[in-house]
Amino acid sequence: MDDEAVGSDEPAWIPVCDLSRLKAETIVRVAGRDMLVIWNEGDVVACDRACPHEQADLGLGQVTAGRLQCPRHAASFDLRGGAITAGWPSPPLRLYPVKVTGEQIWVEEPERRSGR
């Protein structure tokens, strides 16, 4: 995909990995970005790599029952909307649009759009 050909109002998409790799590893770091892609109960989810509560590396966490467990504390994030476990003082985990084309996983690049 040629970045120069992308219109200013069109999102840019980052190729991450193939679907078979994600299924095998469950959590994959997006190269060059502070983002993760996660295999969650048959769905691909993209999110920030840093926990919004304590900035822990969520790439070291575990995925259980549709939730991403933070490796630093007992809280977890719902992978459908990003909400943290009730009672924790934290904003939700930021999620990003994902598309799968064939076997390739793509994540929409955050804040790529022009227009200040």
N, C-alpha and C. Protein backbone atom coordinates (compact mmCIF):
# COMPACT_ATOMS: atom_id res chain seq x y z
N MET A 1 0.86 -1.18 0.00
CA MET A 1 0.00 0.00 0.00
C MET A 1 0.90 1.23 0.00
N ASP A 2 0.72 2.13 -0.92
CA ASP A 2 1.56 3.31 -1.08
C ASP A 2 0.98 4.46 -0.26
N ASP A 3 1.73 4.91 0.77
CA ASP A 3 1.26 6.00 1.63
C ASP A 3 1.00 7.28 0.85
N GLU A 4 1.77 7.52 -0.21
CA GLU A 4 1.58 8.73 -1.00
C GLU A 4 0.23 8.73 -1.71
N ALA A 5 -0.27 7.53 -2.01
CA ALA A 5 -1.53 7.42 -2.74
C ALA A 5 -2.75 7.54 -1.83
N VAL A 6 -2.53 7.50 -0.53
CA VAL A 6 -3.64 7.57 0.41
C VAL A 6 -4.12 9.01 0.52
N GLY A 7 -5.41 9.23 0.34
CA GLY A 7 -5.98 10.57 0.45
C GLY A 7 -5.88 11.09 1.87
N SER A 8 -5.95 12.40 2.02
CA SER A 8 -5.77 13.01 3.33
C SER A 8 -6.87 12.63 4.32
N ASP A 9 -8.06 12.27 3.83
CA ASP A 9 -9.14 11.88 4.72
C ASP A 9 -9.24 10.36 4.89
N GLU A 10 -8.40 9.62 4.20
CA GLU A 10 -8.43 8.17 4.28
C GLU A 10 -7.46 7.69 5.36
N PRO A 11 -7.86 6.70 6.14
CA PRO A 11 -6.94 6.17 7.14
C PRO A 11 -5.81 5.39 6.48
N ALA A 12 -4.65 5.39 7.11
CA ALA A 12 -3.53 4.57 6.66
C ALA A 12 -3.58 3.27 7.46
N TRP A 13 -3.26 2.17 6.81
CA TRP A 13 -3.31 0.86 7.45
C TRP A 13 -1.91 0.29 7.56
N ILE A 14 -1.57 -0.25 8.72
CA ILE A 14 -0.27 -0.83 9.00
C ILE A 14 -0.38 -2.35 8.90
N PRO A 15 0.44 -3.00 8.05
CA PRO A 15 0.43 -4.47 8.05
C PRO A 15 1.12 -4.98 9.31
N VAL A 16 0.51 -5.93 9.98
CA VAL A 16 1.05 -6.40 11.26
C VAL A 16 1.68 -7.78 11.13
N CYS A 17 0.86 -8.78 10.84
CA CYS A 17 1.34 -10.15 10.73
C CYS A 17 0.25 -10.97 10.06
N ASP A 18 0.53 -12.25 9.82
CA ASP A 18 -0.52 -13.08 9.25
C ASP A 18 -1.35 -13.71 10.38
N LEU A 19 -2.55 -14.10 10.03
CA LEU A 19 -3.52 -14.61 10.98
C LEU A 19 -3.01 -15.87 11.69
N SER A 20 -2.31 -16.74 10.99
CA SER A 20 -1.82 -17.97 11.62
C SER A 20 -0.81 -17.67 12.73
N ARG A 21 0.02 -16.65 12.54
CA ARG A 21 0.97 -16.27 13.60
C ARG A 21 0.22 -15.77 14.82
N LEU A 22 -0.78 -14.92 14.61
CA LEU A 22 -1.53 -14.38 15.75
C LEU A 22 -2.25 -15.49 16.50
N LYS A 23 -2.85 -16.42 15.78
CA LYS A 23 -3.54 -17.54 16.43
C LYS A 23 -2.57 -18.36 17.28
N ALA A 24 -1.34 -18.52 16.80
CA ALA A 24 -0.34 -19.30 17.52
C ALA A 24 0.22 -18.58 18.74
N GLU A 25 0.35 -17.24 18.65
CA GLU A 25 0.99 -16.47 19.73
C GLU A 25 0.00 -15.76 20.65
N THR A 26 -1.22 -15.53 20.24
CA THR A 26 -2.29 -14.83 20.96
C THR A 26 -2.07 -13.31 21.05
N ILE A 27 -0.86 -12.87 21.41
CA ILE A 27 -0.55 -11.44 21.49
C ILE A 27 0.69 -11.17 20.63
N VAL A 28 0.58 -10.21 19.71
CA VAL A 28 1.70 -9.83 18.84
C VAL A 28 1.90 -8.33 18.93
N ARG A 29 3.14 -7.90 19.12
CA ARG A 29 3.47 -6.48 19.15
C ARG A 29 3.52 -5.94 17.72
N VAL A 30 2.99 -4.74 17.51
CA VAL A 30 3.03 -4.10 16.20
C VAL A 30 4.40 -3.42 16.07
N ALA A 31 5.18 -3.85 15.10
CA ALA A 31 6.54 -3.33 14.93
C ALA A 31 6.54 -1.81 14.76
N GLY A 32 7.39 -1.14 15.53
CA GLY A 32 7.55 0.30 15.41
C GLY A 32 6.44 1.13 16.04
N ARG A 33 5.48 0.50 16.68
CA ARG A 33 4.36 1.22 17.31
C ARG A 33 4.14 0.66 18.72
N ASP A 34 3.57 1.44 19.59
CA ASP A 34 3.22 0.99 20.94
C ASP A 34 1.82 0.41 20.93
N MET A 35 1.64 -0.63 20.09
CA MET A 35 0.35 -1.27 19.91
C MET A 35 0.51 -2.78 19.93
N LEU A 36 -0.61 -3.46 20.20
CA LEU A 36 -0.67 -4.91 20.18
C LEU A 36 -1.83 -5.35 19.30
N VAL A 37 -1.72 -6.54 18.73
CA VAL A 37 -2.89 -7.21 18.17
C VAL A 37 -3.07 -8.49 18.99
N ILE A 38 -4.32 -8.84 19.21
CA ILE A 38 -4.65 -9.94 20.12
C ILE A 38 -5.67 -10.85 19.45
N TRP A 39 -5.49 -12.16 19.61
CA TRP A 39 -6.47 -13.14 19.17
C TRP A 39 -7.40 -13.37 20.35
N ASN A 40 -8.65 -12.98 20.21
CA ASN A 40 -9.61 -13.05 21.31
C ASN A 40 -10.87 -13.78 20.88
N GLU A 41 -10.97 -15.03 21.26
CA GLU A 41 -12.18 -15.81 21.02
C GLU A 41 -12.67 -15.73 19.57
N GLY A 42 -11.75 -15.85 18.62
CA GLY A 42 -12.10 -15.82 17.21
C GLY A 42 -12.08 -14.45 16.56
N ASP A 43 -11.78 -13.41 17.32
CA ASP A 43 -11.71 -12.05 16.78
C ASP A 43 -10.30 -11.49 16.93
N VAL A 44 -9.95 -10.57 16.04
CA VAL A 44 -8.68 -9.86 16.12
C VAL A 44 -8.96 -8.49 16.73
N VAL A 45 -8.21 -8.14 17.76
CA VAL A 45 -8.37 -6.87 18.46
C VAL A 45 -7.03 -6.15 18.46
N ALA A 46 -7.03 -4.84 18.25
CA ALA A 46 -5.81 -4.04 18.34
C ALA A 46 -5.99 -3.03 19.46
N CYS A 47 -4.92 -2.82 20.25
CA CYS A 47 -5.01 -1.89 21.38
C CYS A 47 -3.65 -1.29 21.69
N ASP A 48 -3.66 -0.31 22.60
CA ASP A 48 -2.41 0.25 23.10
C ASP A 48 -1.62 -0.84 23.82
N ARG A 49 -0.31 -0.71 23.78
CA ARG A 49 0.56 -1.68 24.46
C ARG A 49 0.70 -1.35 25.94
N ALA A 50 0.59 -0.08 26.31
CA ALA A 50 0.77 0.34 27.70
C ALA A 50 -0.57 0.35 28.45
N CYS A 51 -0.57 -0.19 29.64
CA CYS A 51 -1.74 -0.15 30.50
C CYS A 51 -2.05 1.30 30.85
N PRO A 52 -3.29 1.76 30.66
CA PRO A 52 -3.60 3.16 30.99
C PRO A 52 -3.61 3.44 32.49
N HIS A 53 -3.56 2.40 33.31
CA HIS A 53 -3.55 2.58 34.76
C HIS A 53 -2.14 2.78 35.30
N GLU A 54 -1.21 1.88 34.96
CA GLU A 54 0.16 1.97 35.49
C GLU A 54 1.23 1.88 34.41
N GLN A 55 0.86 1.96 33.14
CA GLN A 55 1.79 1.93 32.01
C GLN A 55 2.57 0.62 31.88
N ALA A 56 2.09 -0.47 32.47
CA ALA A 56 2.74 -1.77 32.32
C ALA A 56 2.64 -2.22 30.86
N ASP A 57 3.56 -3.08 30.44
CA ASP A 57 3.56 -3.62 29.08
C ASP A 57 2.50 -4.72 28.99
N LEU A 58 1.38 -4.42 28.37
CA LEU A 58 0.29 -5.38 28.24
C LEU A 58 0.65 -6.54 27.31
N GLY A 59 1.72 -6.40 26.56
CA GLY A 59 2.20 -7.50 25.74
C GLY A 59 2.67 -8.67 26.59
N LEU A 60 2.91 -8.42 27.87
CA LEU A 60 3.32 -9.47 28.81
C LEU A 60 2.12 -10.04 29.56
N GLY A 61 0.93 -9.53 29.26
CA GLY A 61 -0.29 -9.98 29.93
C GLY A 61 -0.83 -11.27 29.35
N GLN A 62 -1.99 -11.67 29.86
CA GLN A 62 -2.66 -12.89 29.42
C GLN A 62 -4.06 -12.56 28.95
N VAL A 63 -4.56 -13.32 27.99
CA VAL A 63 -5.93 -13.16 27.51
C VAL A 63 -6.75 -14.32 28.07
N THR A 64 -7.81 -13.98 28.80
CA THR A 64 -8.67 -14.98 29.42
C THR A 64 -10.11 -14.51 29.34
N ALA A 65 -10.98 -15.33 28.80
CA ALA A 65 -12.43 -15.07 28.77
C ALA A 65 -12.76 -13.67 28.24
N GLY A 66 -12.11 -13.28 27.14
CA GLY A 66 -12.41 -12.00 26.51
C GLY A 66 -11.83 -10.79 27.21
N ARG A 67 -10.88 -11.03 28.12
CA ARG A 67 -10.26 -9.92 28.87
C ARG A 67 -8.74 -10.03 28.78
N LEU A 68 -8.07 -8.86 28.73
CA LEU A 68 -6.61 -8.79 28.74
C LEU A 68 -6.19 -8.45 30.16
N GLN A 69 -5.46 -9.36 30.79
CA GLN A 69 -5.00 -9.18 32.17
C GLN A 69 -3.70 -8.36 32.17
N CYS A 70 -3.66 -7.33 33.00
CA CYS A 70 -2.43 -6.55 33.15
C CYS A 70 -1.41 -7.37 33.94
N PRO A 71 -0.13 -7.40 33.50
CA PRO A 71 0.87 -8.18 34.23
C PRO A 71 1.33 -7.52 35.54
N ARG A 72 0.97 -6.27 35.77
CA ARG A 72 1.44 -5.56 36.96
C ARG A 72 0.43 -5.56 38.11
N HIS A 73 -0.84 -5.59 37.80
CA HIS A 73 -1.85 -5.54 38.87
C HIS A 73 -3.01 -6.47 38.52
N ALA A 74 -3.97 -6.58 39.36
CA ALA A 74 -5.05 -7.57 39.20
C ALA A 74 -6.15 -7.13 38.25
N ALA A 75 -6.08 -5.95 37.71
CA ALA A 75 -7.13 -5.47 36.82
C ALA A 75 -7.00 -6.08 35.43
N SER A 76 -8.11 -6.06 34.70
CA SER A 76 -8.11 -6.54 33.33
C SER A 76 -9.00 -5.63 32.49
N PHE A 77 -8.86 -5.76 31.16
CA PHE A 77 -9.59 -4.91 30.23
C PHE A 77 -10.47 -5.76 29.33
N ASP A 78 -11.72 -5.34 29.16
CA ASP A 78 -12.65 -6.00 28.25
C ASP A 78 -12.19 -5.72 26.83
N LEU A 79 -11.95 -6.76 26.04
CA LEU A 79 -11.44 -6.59 24.69
C LEU A 79 -12.51 -6.23 23.67
N ARG A 80 -13.74 -6.06 24.10
CA ARG A 80 -14.80 -5.59 23.19
C ARG A 80 -14.92 -4.08 23.22
N GLY A 81 -14.63 -3.44 24.36
CA GLY A 81 -14.78 -1.99 24.46
C GLY A 81 -13.66 -1.29 25.21
N GLY A 82 -12.78 -2.06 25.85
CA GLY A 82 -11.65 -1.48 26.56
C GLY A 82 -11.87 -1.17 28.02
N ALA A 83 -13.08 -1.39 28.56
CA ALA A 83 -13.37 -1.05 29.95
C ALA A 83 -12.50 -1.85 30.91
N ILE A 84 -12.03 -1.17 31.96
CA ILE A 84 -11.22 -1.82 32.99
C ILE A 84 -12.14 -2.47 34.02
N THR A 85 -11.60 -3.42 34.77
CA THR A 85 -12.33 -4.08 35.85
C THR A 85 -12.96 -3.01 36.75
N ALA A 86 -14.19 -3.23 37.16
CA ALA A 86 -14.90 -2.28 38.04
C ALA A 86 -14.09 -2.00 39.30
N GLY A 87 -14.08 -0.74 39.69
CA GLY A 87 -13.39 -0.33 40.91
C GLY A 87 -11.98 0.20 40.71
N TRP A 88 -11.42 0.05 39.52
CA TRP A 88 -10.08 0.55 39.27
C TRP A 88 -10.16 1.96 38.68
N PRO A 89 -9.39 2.90 39.20
CA PRO A 89 -9.41 4.28 38.70
C PRO A 89 -8.55 4.43 37.45
N SER A 90 -9.11 4.11 36.31
CA SER A 90 -8.34 4.17 35.08
C SER A 90 -9.26 4.44 33.90
N PRO A 91 -8.76 5.15 32.90
CA PRO A 91 -9.53 5.26 31.65
C PRO A 91 -9.54 3.90 30.97
N PRO A 92 -10.43 3.72 30.00
CA PRO A 92 -10.46 2.44 29.28
C PRO A 92 -9.21 2.28 28.40
N LEU A 93 -8.95 1.04 28.05
CA LEU A 93 -7.87 0.72 27.12
C LEU A 93 -8.29 1.18 25.73
N ARG A 94 -7.40 1.87 25.03
CA ARG A 94 -7.72 2.37 23.69
C ARG A 94 -7.63 1.23 22.68
N LEU A 95 -8.70 1.06 21.92
CA LEU A 95 -8.77 0.05 20.86
C LEU A 95 -8.69 0.72 19.50
N TYR A 96 -8.20 -0.01 18.49
CA TYR A 96 -8.02 0.52 17.15
C TYR A 96 -8.75 -0.35 16.13
N PRO A 97 -9.18 0.26 15.02
CA PRO A 97 -9.81 -0.52 13.95
C PRO A 97 -8.83 -1.53 13.35
N VAL A 98 -9.36 -2.70 13.01
CA VAL A 98 -8.58 -3.80 12.43
C VAL A 98 -9.31 -4.31 11.21
N LYS A 99 -8.53 -4.76 10.21
CA LYS A 99 -9.13 -5.48 9.10
C LYS A 99 -8.22 -6.65 8.75
N VAL A 100 -8.84 -7.71 8.25
CA VAL A 100 -8.09 -8.88 7.82
C VAL A 100 -8.38 -9.07 6.34
N THR A 101 -7.31 -9.07 5.54
CA THR A 101 -7.42 -9.25 4.10
C THR A 101 -6.68 -10.53 3.76
N GLY A 102 -7.42 -11.55 3.37
CA GLY A 102 -6.80 -12.86 3.16
C GLY A 102 -6.30 -13.35 4.51
N GLU A 103 -5.01 -13.54 4.64
CA GLU A 103 -4.40 -13.93 5.92
C GLU A 103 -3.69 -12.77 6.61
N GLN A 104 -3.61 -11.60 5.96
CA GLN A 104 -2.87 -10.45 6.49
C GLN A 104 -3.74 -9.61 7.43
N ILE A 105 -3.20 -9.31 8.60
CA ILE A 105 -3.87 -8.43 9.57
C ILE A 105 -3.33 -7.03 9.39
N TRP A 106 -4.26 -6.06 9.34
CA TRP A 106 -3.93 -4.65 9.20
C TRP A 106 -4.56 -3.88 10.37
N VAL A 107 -3.85 -2.86 10.88
CA VAL A 107 -4.36 -2.00 11.94
C VAL A 107 -4.34 -0.57 11.42
N GLU A 108 -5.43 0.16 11.69
CA GLU A 108 -5.46 1.56 11.27
C GLU A 108 -4.45 2.36 12.08
N GLU A 109 -3.62 3.10 11.37
CA GLU A 109 -2.60 3.91 12.04
C GLU A 109 -3.26 5.04 12.80
N PRO A 110 -2.98 5.17 14.09
CA PRO A 110 -3.60 6.23 14.88
C PRO A 110 -3.11 7.61 14.46
N GLU A 111 -4.04 8.58 14.48
CA GLU A 111 -3.72 9.98 14.24
C GLU A 111 -2.95 10.20 12.95
N ARG A 112 -3.30 9.46 11.92
CA ARG A 112 -2.62 9.57 10.62
C ARG A 112 -3.24 10.65 9.75
N ARG A 113 -4.50 10.93 10.02
CA ARG A 113 -5.23 11.86 9.16
C ARG A 113 -4.60 13.26 9.21
N SER A 114 -4.57 13.91 8.06
CA SER A 114 -4.03 15.28 8.01
C SER A 114 -5.13 16.27 8.35
N GLY A 115 -4.77 17.52 8.45
CA GLY A 115 -5.74 18.53 8.85
C GLY A 115 -5.56 18.80 10.33
N ARG A 116 -4.92 19.87 10.64
CA ARG A 116 -4.52 20.15 12.01
C ARG A 116 -5.64 20.63 12.77
